[in-house]
Amino acid sequence: MTGTILTVPGAGGDGIGFNSGNDGTLTIAVGPTGAKVNALYISAAGVVQQSQAQSMVRLNTANGYGSSNTCIRRFTNTVTNQGSDITYADSATLGGSFTINTAGVYAITYTANPSTGNAFSGVSLNTTQPTVSIASLANTSERLTIGQAYLGGANFTSNWTGYLAAGSVIRAHDDAGGASGSANYLFTIVRIA
């Protein structure tokens, strides 16, 4: 028998699913119904291994900033939003945010395309100053990465890889110098371990 053997529902739509493969494998998946993440894999030879489903959020195209959080970037297009380790939220008031649900190692890439020269863009962690340029944050430990475009319309990319605790909130954090609609604004966050 292949396919779903058994689904055990849990609170709030979460649950566990047991799925068999036609090659004698068994996968145990956990999480929301319809979006279960493979948590355990048992091969036909009986070898048990933990699965690491790829949790990733990938966005593009600038869509201004939050109306209250005036330096927090918003994006128009969600290209990929998969897995349960990262929750992406977009708010017209607060801007875009990425909440880490599972502690682990994450890789983040942010490409910016400011319309004015000498503009700063980067990635902040748990910022307490979402209305202040990332270059001027009082607590510099809130900066994960920062870059500066010396010419308007010049692309630049900043990258960061490291450990993030569960509950961490990541944001694309600028100095409000970027144009809306630019397709050259790109953001990707992925859990790698």
N, C-alpha and C. Protein backbone atom coordinates (compact mmCIF):
# COMPACT_ATOMS: atom_id res chain seq x y z
N MET A 1 0.84 -1.19 0.00
CA MET A 1 0.00 0.00 0.00
C MET A 1 0.88 1.24 0.00
N THR A 2 0.60 2.19 -0.87
CA THR A 2 1.35 3.44 -0.89
C THR A 2 0.41 4.60 -0.59
N GLY A 3 0.98 5.71 -0.20
CA GLY A 3 0.18 6.89 0.12
C GLY A 3 0.01 7.03 1.61
N THR A 4 -1.00 7.79 2.00
CA THR A 4 -1.24 8.05 3.42
C THR A 4 -1.85 6.82 4.08
N ILE A 5 -1.18 6.34 5.12
CA ILE A 5 -1.68 5.19 5.87
C ILE A 5 -2.63 5.66 6.96
N LEU A 6 -2.22 6.73 7.65
CA LEU A 6 -2.98 7.19 8.81
C LEU A 6 -2.68 8.67 9.03
N THR A 7 -3.70 9.42 9.35
CA THR A 7 -3.54 10.81 9.76
C THR A 7 -4.17 10.97 11.13
N VAL A 8 -3.39 11.51 12.06
CA VAL A 8 -3.88 11.74 13.42
C VAL A 8 -4.02 13.24 13.61
N PRO A 9 -5.26 13.75 13.68
CA PRO A 9 -5.44 15.20 13.82
C PRO A 9 -5.03 15.68 15.20
N GLY A 10 -4.61 16.93 15.25
CA GLY A 10 -4.25 17.56 16.50
C GLY A 10 -5.01 18.86 16.67
N ALA A 11 -4.64 19.62 17.68
CA ALA A 11 -5.30 20.89 17.96
C ALA A 11 -5.00 21.91 16.86
N GLY A 12 -5.98 22.73 16.54
CA GLY A 12 -5.78 23.84 15.61
C GLY A 12 -5.45 23.41 14.20
N GLY A 13 -5.82 22.18 13.79
CA GLY A 13 -5.53 21.74 12.43
C GLY A 13 -4.19 21.06 12.28
N ASP A 14 -3.35 21.06 13.33
CA ASP A 14 -2.09 20.34 13.28
C ASP A 14 -2.34 18.85 13.42
N GLY A 15 -1.34 18.07 13.12
CA GLY A 15 -1.48 16.64 13.27
C GLY A 15 -0.26 15.90 12.78
N ILE A 16 -0.38 14.58 12.72
CA ILE A 16 0.70 13.71 12.27
C ILE A 16 0.16 12.84 11.15
N GLY A 17 0.95 12.66 10.11
CA GLY A 17 0.58 11.79 9.01
C GLY A 17 1.62 10.71 8.80
N PHE A 18 1.18 9.49 8.56
CA PHE A 18 2.06 8.37 8.27
C PHE A 18 1.85 8.00 6.81
N ASN A 19 2.94 8.09 6.02
CA ASN A 19 2.85 7.89 4.58
C ASN A 19 3.83 6.80 4.15
N SER A 20 3.35 5.85 3.34
CA SER A 20 4.22 4.79 2.86
C SER A 20 4.54 5.02 1.39
N GLY A 21 5.75 4.60 1.00
CA GLY A 21 6.16 4.69 -0.39
C GLY A 21 6.12 3.32 -1.04
N ASN A 22 6.05 3.26 -2.38
CA ASN A 22 6.00 1.98 -3.07
C ASN A 22 7.34 1.25 -3.03
N ASP A 23 8.36 1.91 -2.45
CA ASP A 23 9.67 1.29 -2.30
C ASP A 23 9.90 0.75 -0.88
N GLY A 24 8.83 0.68 -0.08
CA GLY A 24 8.95 0.14 1.27
C GLY A 24 9.36 1.14 2.32
N THR A 25 9.33 2.43 1.99
CA THR A 25 9.72 3.47 2.94
C THR A 25 8.51 3.97 3.71
N LEU A 26 8.78 4.60 4.85
CA LEU A 26 7.74 5.21 5.67
C LEU A 26 8.20 6.61 6.05
N THR A 27 7.32 7.58 5.86
CA THR A 27 7.61 8.95 6.24
C THR A 27 6.57 9.40 7.26
N ILE A 28 7.05 10.00 8.34
CA ILE A 28 6.17 10.57 9.34
C ILE A 28 6.23 12.08 9.20
N ALA A 29 5.07 12.70 8.95
CA ALA A 29 5.01 14.14 8.72
C ALA A 29 4.23 14.80 9.84
N VAL A 30 4.64 16.01 10.20
CA VAL A 30 3.96 16.76 11.26
C VAL A 30 3.63 18.15 10.77
N GLY A 31 2.65 18.80 11.41
CA GLY A 31 2.32 20.18 11.08
C GLY A 31 0.89 20.34 10.65
N PRO A 32 0.56 21.53 10.13
CA PRO A 32 -0.81 21.82 9.72
C PRO A 32 -1.29 20.89 8.62
N THR A 33 -2.54 20.51 8.67
CA THR A 33 -3.12 19.68 7.65
C THR A 33 -2.97 20.36 6.29
N GLY A 34 -2.48 19.61 5.32
CA GLY A 34 -2.28 20.15 3.98
C GLY A 34 -0.91 20.79 3.80
N ALA A 35 -0.17 20.95 4.87
CA ALA A 35 1.18 21.54 4.76
C ALA A 35 2.12 20.84 5.72
N LYS A 36 2.01 19.52 5.78
CA LYS A 36 2.83 18.77 6.72
C LYS A 36 4.29 18.76 6.30
N VAL A 37 5.16 18.78 7.29
CA VAL A 37 6.60 18.76 7.07
C VAL A 37 7.11 17.39 7.45
N ASN A 38 7.86 16.75 6.55
CA ASN A 38 8.41 15.44 6.86
C ASN A 38 9.40 15.54 8.02
N ALA A 39 9.10 14.81 9.09
CA ALA A 39 9.92 14.89 10.30
C ALA A 39 10.82 13.68 10.48
N LEU A 40 10.38 12.53 9.96
CA LEU A 40 11.14 11.30 10.16
C LEU A 40 10.95 10.41 8.94
N TYR A 41 12.04 9.78 8.50
CA TYR A 41 12.02 8.93 7.32
C TYR A 41 12.63 7.59 7.69
N ILE A 42 11.95 6.49 7.34
CA ILE A 42 12.45 5.15 7.61
C ILE A 42 12.60 4.45 6.26
N SER A 43 13.84 4.08 5.94
CA SER A 43 14.10 3.44 4.65
C SER A 43 13.59 2.01 4.64
N ALA A 44 13.58 1.40 3.46
CA ALA A 44 13.14 0.02 3.33
C ALA A 44 14.04 -0.92 4.12
N ALA A 45 15.29 -0.52 4.35
CA ALA A 45 16.23 -1.33 5.14
C ALA A 45 16.08 -1.08 6.64
N GLY A 46 15.15 -0.20 7.02
CA GLY A 46 14.92 0.06 8.43
C GLY A 46 15.80 1.15 9.02
N VAL A 47 16.51 1.90 8.18
CA VAL A 47 17.36 2.99 8.65
C VAL A 47 16.48 4.21 8.92
N VAL A 48 16.58 4.75 10.13
CA VAL A 48 15.78 5.89 10.53
C VAL A 48 16.63 7.15 10.41
N GLN A 49 16.09 8.17 9.79
CA GLN A 49 16.80 9.44 9.71
C GLN A 49 15.81 10.58 9.84
N GLN A 50 16.30 11.68 10.37
CA GLN A 50 15.46 12.86 10.51
C GLN A 50 15.45 13.59 9.19
N SER A 51 14.27 13.96 8.73
CA SER A 51 14.15 14.72 7.50
C SER A 51 14.25 16.20 7.83
N GLN A 52 14.84 16.96 6.95
CA GLN A 52 14.87 18.40 7.11
C GLN A 52 14.22 19.02 5.88
N ALA A 53 12.94 19.25 6.00
CA ALA A 53 12.23 19.89 4.90
C ALA A 53 12.77 21.30 4.70
N GLN A 54 12.83 21.71 3.47
CA GLN A 54 13.36 23.03 3.14
C GLN A 54 12.35 24.10 3.49
N SER A 55 12.61 24.84 4.57
CA SER A 55 11.77 26.00 4.90
C SER A 55 12.39 27.22 4.26
N MET A 56 11.61 27.92 3.43
CA MET A 56 12.16 29.06 2.70
C MET A 56 11.05 30.04 2.38
N VAL A 57 11.40 31.32 2.46
CA VAL A 57 10.53 32.39 1.97
C VAL A 57 11.35 33.19 0.98
N ARG A 58 10.79 33.40 -0.20
CA ARG A 58 11.48 34.17 -1.25
C ARG A 58 10.51 35.19 -1.82
N LEU A 59 10.93 36.46 -1.84
CA LEU A 59 10.08 37.57 -2.26
C LEU A 59 10.79 38.41 -3.31
N ASN A 60 9.99 39.19 -4.07
CA ASN A 60 10.61 40.17 -4.96
C ASN A 60 9.69 41.37 -5.18
N THR A 61 10.23 42.41 -5.71
CA THR A 61 9.58 43.66 -6.11
C THR A 61 9.18 44.52 -4.92
N ALA A 62 9.80 45.69 -4.84
CA ALA A 62 9.54 46.63 -3.75
C ALA A 62 8.10 47.09 -3.74
N ASN A 63 7.54 47.22 -2.54
CA ASN A 63 6.17 47.68 -2.37
C ASN A 63 6.12 48.71 -1.23
N GLY A 64 7.04 49.63 -1.24
CA GLY A 64 7.07 50.68 -0.23
C GLY A 64 7.48 50.18 1.13
N TYR A 65 7.02 50.88 2.16
CA TYR A 65 7.37 50.58 3.55
C TYR A 65 6.11 50.56 4.38
N GLY A 66 6.21 50.06 5.60
CA GLY A 66 5.09 50.14 6.52
C GLY A 66 4.77 51.60 6.81
N SER A 67 3.50 51.91 7.00
CA SER A 67 3.12 53.31 7.25
C SER A 67 3.55 53.76 8.64
N SER A 68 3.65 52.85 9.60
CA SER A 68 4.18 53.18 10.93
C SER A 68 5.65 52.83 11.03
N ASN A 69 6.01 51.62 10.59
CA ASN A 69 7.41 51.19 10.56
C ASN A 69 8.02 51.65 9.24
N THR A 70 8.37 52.91 9.20
CA THR A 70 8.68 53.60 7.94
C THR A 70 9.98 53.19 7.27
N CYS A 71 10.79 52.38 7.94
CA CYS A 71 12.03 51.90 7.32
C CYS A 71 12.01 50.39 7.09
N ILE A 72 10.84 49.77 7.27
CA ILE A 72 10.72 48.33 7.07
C ILE A 72 10.07 48.06 5.72
N ARG A 73 10.83 47.41 4.86
CA ARG A 73 10.46 47.15 3.48
C ARG A 73 9.26 46.20 3.38
N ARG A 74 8.44 46.44 2.38
CA ARG A 74 7.37 45.51 1.99
C ARG A 74 7.69 45.01 0.58
N PHE A 75 7.13 43.86 0.24
CA PHE A 75 7.34 43.27 -1.08
C PHE A 75 6.01 42.97 -1.73
N THR A 76 6.00 42.99 -3.06
CA THR A 76 4.78 42.74 -3.82
C THR A 76 4.53 41.26 -4.04
N ASN A 77 5.57 40.51 -4.41
CA ASN A 77 5.39 39.13 -4.84
C ASN A 77 6.03 38.13 -3.89
N THR A 78 5.24 37.14 -3.50
CA THR A 78 5.77 35.99 -2.76
C THR A 78 6.02 34.89 -3.77
N VAL A 79 7.29 34.61 -4.03
CA VAL A 79 7.67 33.60 -5.01
C VAL A 79 7.59 32.21 -4.39
N THR A 80 8.12 32.08 -3.16
CA THR A 80 8.12 30.81 -2.45
C THR A 80 7.83 31.07 -0.99
N ASN A 81 6.96 30.27 -0.40
CA ASN A 81 6.71 30.31 1.05
C ASN A 81 6.38 28.89 1.46
N GLN A 82 7.41 28.15 1.89
CA GLN A 82 7.22 26.73 2.18
C GLN A 82 7.87 26.37 3.50
N GLY A 83 7.39 25.30 4.10
CA GLY A 83 7.91 24.83 5.37
C GLY A 83 7.27 25.56 6.54
N SER A 84 7.58 25.09 7.73
CA SER A 84 6.95 25.65 8.93
C SER A 84 7.92 26.36 9.86
N ASP A 85 9.18 26.48 9.47
CA ASP A 85 10.19 27.09 10.35
C ASP A 85 10.16 28.61 10.34
N ILE A 86 9.55 29.20 9.31
CA ILE A 86 9.52 30.66 9.14
C ILE A 86 8.09 31.09 8.86
N THR A 87 7.62 32.10 9.58
CA THR A 87 6.31 32.67 9.28
C THR A 87 6.52 34.07 8.70
N TYR A 88 6.09 34.26 7.45
CA TYR A 88 6.19 35.57 6.81
C TYR A 88 4.87 36.30 6.96
N ALA A 89 4.94 37.56 7.36
CA ALA A 89 3.75 38.40 7.47
C ALA A 89 4.02 39.73 6.78
N ASP A 90 3.05 40.21 6.03
CA ASP A 90 3.16 41.52 5.39
C ASP A 90 2.04 42.40 5.93
N SER A 91 2.42 43.58 6.40
CA SER A 91 1.44 44.50 6.98
C SER A 91 1.64 45.88 6.37
N ALA A 92 0.54 46.50 5.95
CA ALA A 92 0.62 47.86 5.42
C ALA A 92 1.13 48.82 6.48
N THR A 93 0.90 48.52 7.74
CA THR A 93 1.34 49.38 8.83
C THR A 93 2.75 49.04 9.29
N LEU A 94 3.02 47.74 9.50
CA LEU A 94 4.28 47.31 10.12
C LEU A 94 5.36 46.88 9.12
N GLY A 95 5.02 46.74 7.86
CA GLY A 95 5.98 46.26 6.88
C GLY A 95 6.06 44.75 6.90
N GLY A 96 7.08 44.20 6.27
CA GLY A 96 7.25 42.75 6.20
C GLY A 96 8.08 42.24 7.37
N SER A 97 7.73 41.04 7.87
CA SER A 97 8.50 40.44 8.95
C SER A 97 8.55 38.93 8.76
N PHE A 98 9.62 38.35 9.28
CA PHE A 98 9.86 36.91 9.18
C PHE A 98 10.11 36.41 10.60
N THR A 99 9.17 35.68 11.16
CA THR A 99 9.31 35.17 12.51
C THR A 99 9.87 33.76 12.44
N ILE A 100 10.93 33.52 13.20
CA ILE A 100 11.58 32.21 13.24
C ILE A 100 10.84 31.33 14.23
N ASN A 101 10.29 30.23 13.74
CA ASN A 101 9.54 29.31 14.59
C ASN A 101 10.40 28.20 15.16
N THR A 102 11.49 27.87 14.47
CA THR A 102 12.36 26.78 14.87
C THR A 102 13.79 27.29 14.94
N ALA A 103 14.42 27.14 16.10
CA ALA A 103 15.83 27.55 16.23
C ALA A 103 16.67 26.76 15.25
N GLY A 104 17.64 27.44 14.64
CA GLY A 104 18.50 26.76 13.68
C GLY A 104 19.40 27.74 12.96
N VAL A 105 20.07 27.25 11.94
CA VAL A 105 20.96 28.06 11.12
C VAL A 105 20.20 28.48 9.87
N TYR A 106 20.22 29.78 9.61
CA TYR A 106 19.48 30.35 8.49
C TYR A 106 20.43 31.15 7.60
N ALA A 107 20.12 31.17 6.31
CA ALA A 107 20.85 32.00 5.35
C ALA A 107 19.87 33.04 4.81
N ILE A 108 20.33 34.29 4.78
CA ILE A 108 19.49 35.41 4.33
C ILE A 108 20.23 36.19 3.25
N THR A 109 19.53 36.50 2.18
CA THR A 109 20.07 37.34 1.11
C THR A 109 19.07 38.45 0.82
N TYR A 110 19.57 39.69 0.77
CA TYR A 110 18.70 40.83 0.48
C TYR A 110 19.38 41.67 -0.58
N THR A 111 18.74 41.82 -1.74
CA THR A 111 19.22 42.68 -2.81
C THR A 111 18.34 43.92 -2.85
N ALA A 112 18.98 45.07 -2.80
CA ALA A 112 18.26 46.35 -2.79
C ALA A 112 18.67 47.16 -4.02
N ASN A 113 17.80 48.11 -4.37
CA ASN A 113 18.01 48.95 -5.54
C ASN A 113 17.49 50.35 -5.23
N PRO A 114 18.16 51.07 -4.31
CA PRO A 114 17.66 52.39 -3.90
C PRO A 114 17.62 53.37 -5.07
N SER A 115 16.62 54.24 -5.04
CA SER A 115 16.47 55.23 -6.11
C SER A 115 17.36 56.44 -5.91
N THR A 116 17.92 56.58 -4.72
CA THR A 116 18.81 57.71 -4.43
C THR A 116 20.18 57.20 -4.01
N GLY A 117 21.19 58.00 -4.22
CA GLY A 117 22.54 57.64 -3.81
C GLY A 117 22.71 57.72 -2.30
N ASN A 118 23.75 57.06 -1.81
CA ASN A 118 24.09 57.02 -0.38
C ASN A 118 22.95 56.46 0.48
N ALA A 119 22.20 55.52 -0.08
CA ALA A 119 21.09 54.90 0.65
C ALA A 119 21.57 53.60 1.29
N PHE A 120 21.05 53.32 2.49
CA PHE A 120 21.42 52.12 3.23
C PHE A 120 20.27 51.12 3.21
N SER A 121 20.62 49.84 3.11
CA SER A 121 19.67 48.75 3.21
C SER A 121 20.36 47.60 3.91
N GLY A 122 19.57 46.79 4.61
CA GLY A 122 20.15 45.63 5.29
C GLY A 122 19.07 44.79 5.92
N VAL A 123 19.49 43.98 6.87
CA VAL A 123 18.59 43.06 7.56
C VAL A 123 18.73 43.28 9.05
N SER A 124 17.60 43.47 9.73
CA SER A 124 17.64 43.67 11.17
C SER A 124 17.05 42.48 11.91
N LEU A 125 17.47 42.34 13.16
CA LEU A 125 17.03 41.27 14.05
C LEU A 125 16.38 41.89 15.28
N ASN A 126 15.10 41.61 15.49
CA ASN A 126 14.37 42.07 16.68
C ASN A 126 14.53 43.57 16.90
N THR A 127 14.46 44.34 15.83
CA THR A 127 14.71 45.77 15.98
C THR A 127 13.66 46.45 16.86
N THR A 128 14.13 47.40 17.64
CA THR A 128 13.25 48.22 18.46
C THR A 128 13.08 49.60 17.84
N GLN A 129 13.72 49.81 16.68
CA GLN A 129 13.68 51.11 16.01
C GLN A 129 13.31 50.95 14.53
N PRO A 130 12.08 50.52 14.23
CA PRO A 130 11.70 50.31 12.84
C PRO A 130 11.45 51.58 12.04
N THR A 131 11.60 52.75 12.68
CA THR A 131 11.42 54.02 11.97
C THR A 131 12.75 54.73 11.77
N VAL A 132 13.84 54.06 12.13
CA VAL A 132 15.18 54.64 12.03
C VAL A 132 15.97 53.89 10.97
N SER A 133 16.76 54.59 10.18
CA SER A 133 17.61 53.94 9.18
C SER A 133 18.44 52.84 9.84
N ILE A 134 18.64 51.75 9.13
CA ILE A 134 19.45 50.66 9.66
C ILE A 134 20.86 51.14 9.99
N ALA A 135 21.30 52.16 9.30
CA ALA A 135 22.64 52.70 9.55
C ALA A 135 22.71 53.47 10.87
N SER A 136 21.56 53.86 11.40
CA SER A 136 21.53 54.70 12.61
C SER A 136 20.95 54.00 13.83
N LEU A 137 20.80 52.68 13.77
CA LEU A 137 20.25 51.96 14.92
C LEU A 137 21.12 52.17 16.15
N ALA A 138 20.48 52.51 17.27
CA ALA A 138 21.22 52.74 18.52
C ALA A 138 21.87 51.45 19.00
N ASN A 139 21.17 50.35 18.86
CA ASN A 139 21.70 49.05 19.28
C ASN A 139 22.22 48.35 18.03
N THR A 140 23.52 48.41 17.81
CA THR A 140 24.10 47.88 16.58
C THR A 140 23.99 46.36 16.49
N SER A 141 23.72 45.67 17.61
CA SER A 141 23.55 44.22 17.55
C SER A 141 22.25 43.84 16.85
N GLU A 142 21.38 44.82 16.60
CA GLU A 142 20.15 44.55 15.85
C GLU A 142 20.43 44.45 14.34
N ARG A 143 21.62 44.83 13.91
CA ARG A 143 21.99 44.74 12.49
C ARG A 143 22.61 43.38 12.20
N LEU A 144 22.00 42.64 11.27
CA LEU A 144 22.65 41.41 10.82
C LEU A 144 23.54 41.69 9.62
N THR A 145 23.07 42.58 8.74
CA THR A 145 23.85 42.94 7.56
C THR A 145 23.42 44.34 7.13
N ILE A 146 24.35 45.04 6.47
CA ILE A 146 24.06 46.39 6.00
C ILE A 146 24.89 46.66 4.75
N GLY A 147 24.34 47.44 3.84
CA GLY A 147 25.06 47.84 2.65
C GLY A 147 24.66 49.24 2.25
N GLN A 148 25.45 49.84 1.38
CA GLN A 148 25.18 51.22 0.95
C GLN A 148 25.34 51.34 -0.55
N ALA A 149 24.35 51.97 -1.19
CA ALA A 149 24.42 52.25 -2.62
C ALA A 149 24.90 53.69 -2.79
N TYR A 150 26.02 53.87 -3.46
CA TYR A 150 26.56 55.22 -3.65
C TYR A 150 25.88 55.94 -4.80
N LEU A 151 25.28 55.18 -5.72
CA LEU A 151 24.59 55.78 -6.86
C LEU A 151 23.14 55.32 -6.85
N GLY A 152 22.22 56.22 -7.16
CA GLY A 152 20.82 55.84 -7.28
C GLY A 152 20.64 54.83 -8.40
N GLY A 153 19.82 53.82 -8.16
CA GLY A 153 19.57 52.79 -9.17
C GLY A 153 20.62 51.70 -9.21
N ALA A 154 21.60 51.74 -8.30
CA ALA A 154 22.64 50.70 -8.26
C ALA A 154 22.19 49.56 -7.36
N ASN A 155 22.24 48.34 -7.86
CA ASN A 155 21.91 47.17 -7.06
C ASN A 155 23.06 46.83 -6.13
N PHE A 156 22.74 46.36 -4.94
CA PHE A 156 23.75 45.74 -4.09
C PHE A 156 23.09 44.67 -3.26
N THR A 157 23.86 43.65 -2.91
CA THR A 157 23.32 42.50 -2.18
C THR A 157 24.09 42.33 -0.89
N SER A 158 23.35 42.07 0.18
CA SER A 158 23.97 41.75 1.45
C SER A 158 23.50 40.37 1.89
N ASN A 159 24.41 39.62 2.51
CA ASN A 159 24.15 38.24 2.91
C ASN A 159 24.50 38.04 4.37
N TRP A 160 23.80 37.12 5.01
CA TRP A 160 24.11 36.76 6.39
C TRP A 160 23.73 35.30 6.59
N THR A 161 24.56 34.56 7.29
CA THR A 161 24.27 33.18 7.65
C THR A 161 24.64 33.00 9.11
N GLY A 162 23.74 32.40 9.89
CA GLY A 162 24.05 32.16 11.30
C GLY A 162 22.86 31.60 12.05
N TYR A 163 23.07 31.42 13.33
CA TYR A 163 22.06 30.83 14.20
C TYR A 163 21.02 31.87 14.59
N LEU A 164 19.74 31.46 14.54
CA LEU A 164 18.65 32.31 15.01
C LEU A 164 17.80 31.51 15.99
N ALA A 165 17.50 32.12 17.12
CA ALA A 165 16.66 31.49 18.13
C ALA A 165 15.21 31.55 17.71
N ALA A 166 14.43 30.60 18.19
CA ALA A 166 12.98 30.63 17.95
C ALA A 166 12.41 31.92 18.54
N GLY A 167 11.51 32.55 17.82
CA GLY A 167 10.93 33.82 18.24
C GLY A 167 11.63 35.04 17.68
N SER A 168 12.78 34.85 17.05
CA SER A 168 13.49 35.97 16.43
C SER A 168 12.64 36.55 15.30
N VAL A 169 12.71 37.87 15.14
CA VAL A 169 11.97 38.53 14.06
C VAL A 169 12.98 39.24 13.15
N ILE A 170 12.96 38.84 11.89
CA ILE A 170 13.87 39.36 10.87
C ILE A 170 13.09 40.33 9.99
N ARG A 171 13.76 41.43 9.59
CA ARG A 171 13.11 42.40 8.70
C ARG A 171 14.10 42.92 7.66
N ALA A 172 13.61 43.19 6.46
CA ALA A 172 14.36 43.95 5.46
C ALA A 172 14.26 45.40 5.91
N HIS A 173 15.38 45.99 6.28
CA HIS A 173 15.39 47.28 6.98
C HIS A 173 16.23 48.27 6.18
N ASP A 174 15.61 49.34 5.73
CA ASP A 174 16.27 50.32 4.88
C ASP A 174 16.37 51.67 5.61
N ASP A 175 16.57 52.71 4.81
CA ASP A 175 16.49 54.07 5.35
C ASP A 175 15.40 54.85 4.62
N ALA A 176 14.42 54.10 4.06
CA ALA A 176 13.29 54.67 3.34
C ALA A 176 13.71 55.40 2.07
N GLY A 177 14.85 55.00 1.49
CA GLY A 177 15.34 55.65 0.28
C GLY A 177 15.05 54.88 -0.99
N GLY A 178 14.28 53.79 -0.90
CA GLY A 178 14.06 52.95 -2.07
C GLY A 178 12.73 53.21 -2.74
N ALA A 179 12.71 53.03 -4.04
CA ALA A 179 11.48 53.26 -4.81
C ALA A 179 10.58 52.04 -4.75
N SER A 180 9.27 52.27 -4.74
CA SER A 180 8.33 51.17 -4.86
C SER A 180 8.31 50.70 -6.31
N GLY A 181 7.95 49.44 -6.49
CA GLY A 181 7.81 48.89 -7.83
C GLY A 181 9.08 48.35 -8.44
N SER A 182 10.25 48.61 -7.84
CA SER A 182 11.48 48.11 -8.42
C SER A 182 11.54 46.60 -8.29
N ALA A 183 11.64 45.91 -9.44
CA ALA A 183 11.70 44.45 -9.44
C ALA A 183 13.06 43.96 -8.94
N ASN A 184 14.02 44.87 -8.78
CA ASN A 184 15.35 44.48 -8.35
C ASN A 184 15.49 44.39 -6.83
N TYR A 185 14.40 44.52 -6.10
CA TYR A 185 14.40 44.24 -4.67
C TYR A 185 14.06 42.76 -4.48
N LEU A 186 14.98 42.02 -3.88
CA LEU A 186 14.82 40.58 -3.70
C LEU A 186 15.16 40.21 -2.26
N PHE A 187 14.42 39.28 -1.68
CA PHE A 187 14.70 38.83 -0.32
C PHE A 187 14.47 37.33 -0.24
N THR A 188 15.45 36.60 0.30
CA THR A 188 15.32 35.17 0.51
C THR A 188 15.83 34.82 1.90
N ILE A 189 15.05 34.03 2.63
CA ILE A 189 15.49 33.47 3.91
C ILE A 189 15.20 31.99 3.88
N VAL A 190 16.19 31.18 4.25
CA VAL A 190 16.05 29.73 4.19
C VAL A 190 16.73 29.08 5.40
N ARG A 191 16.08 28.08 5.97
CA ARG A 191 16.72 27.33 7.05
C ARG A 191 17.62 26.29 6.43
N ILE A 192 18.89 26.29 6.84
CA ILE A 192 19.85 25.35 6.25
C ILE A 192 20.31 24.27 7.23
N ALA A 193 20.03 24.44 8.52
CA ALA A 193 20.39 23.40 9.50
C ALA A 193 19.61 23.61 10.77
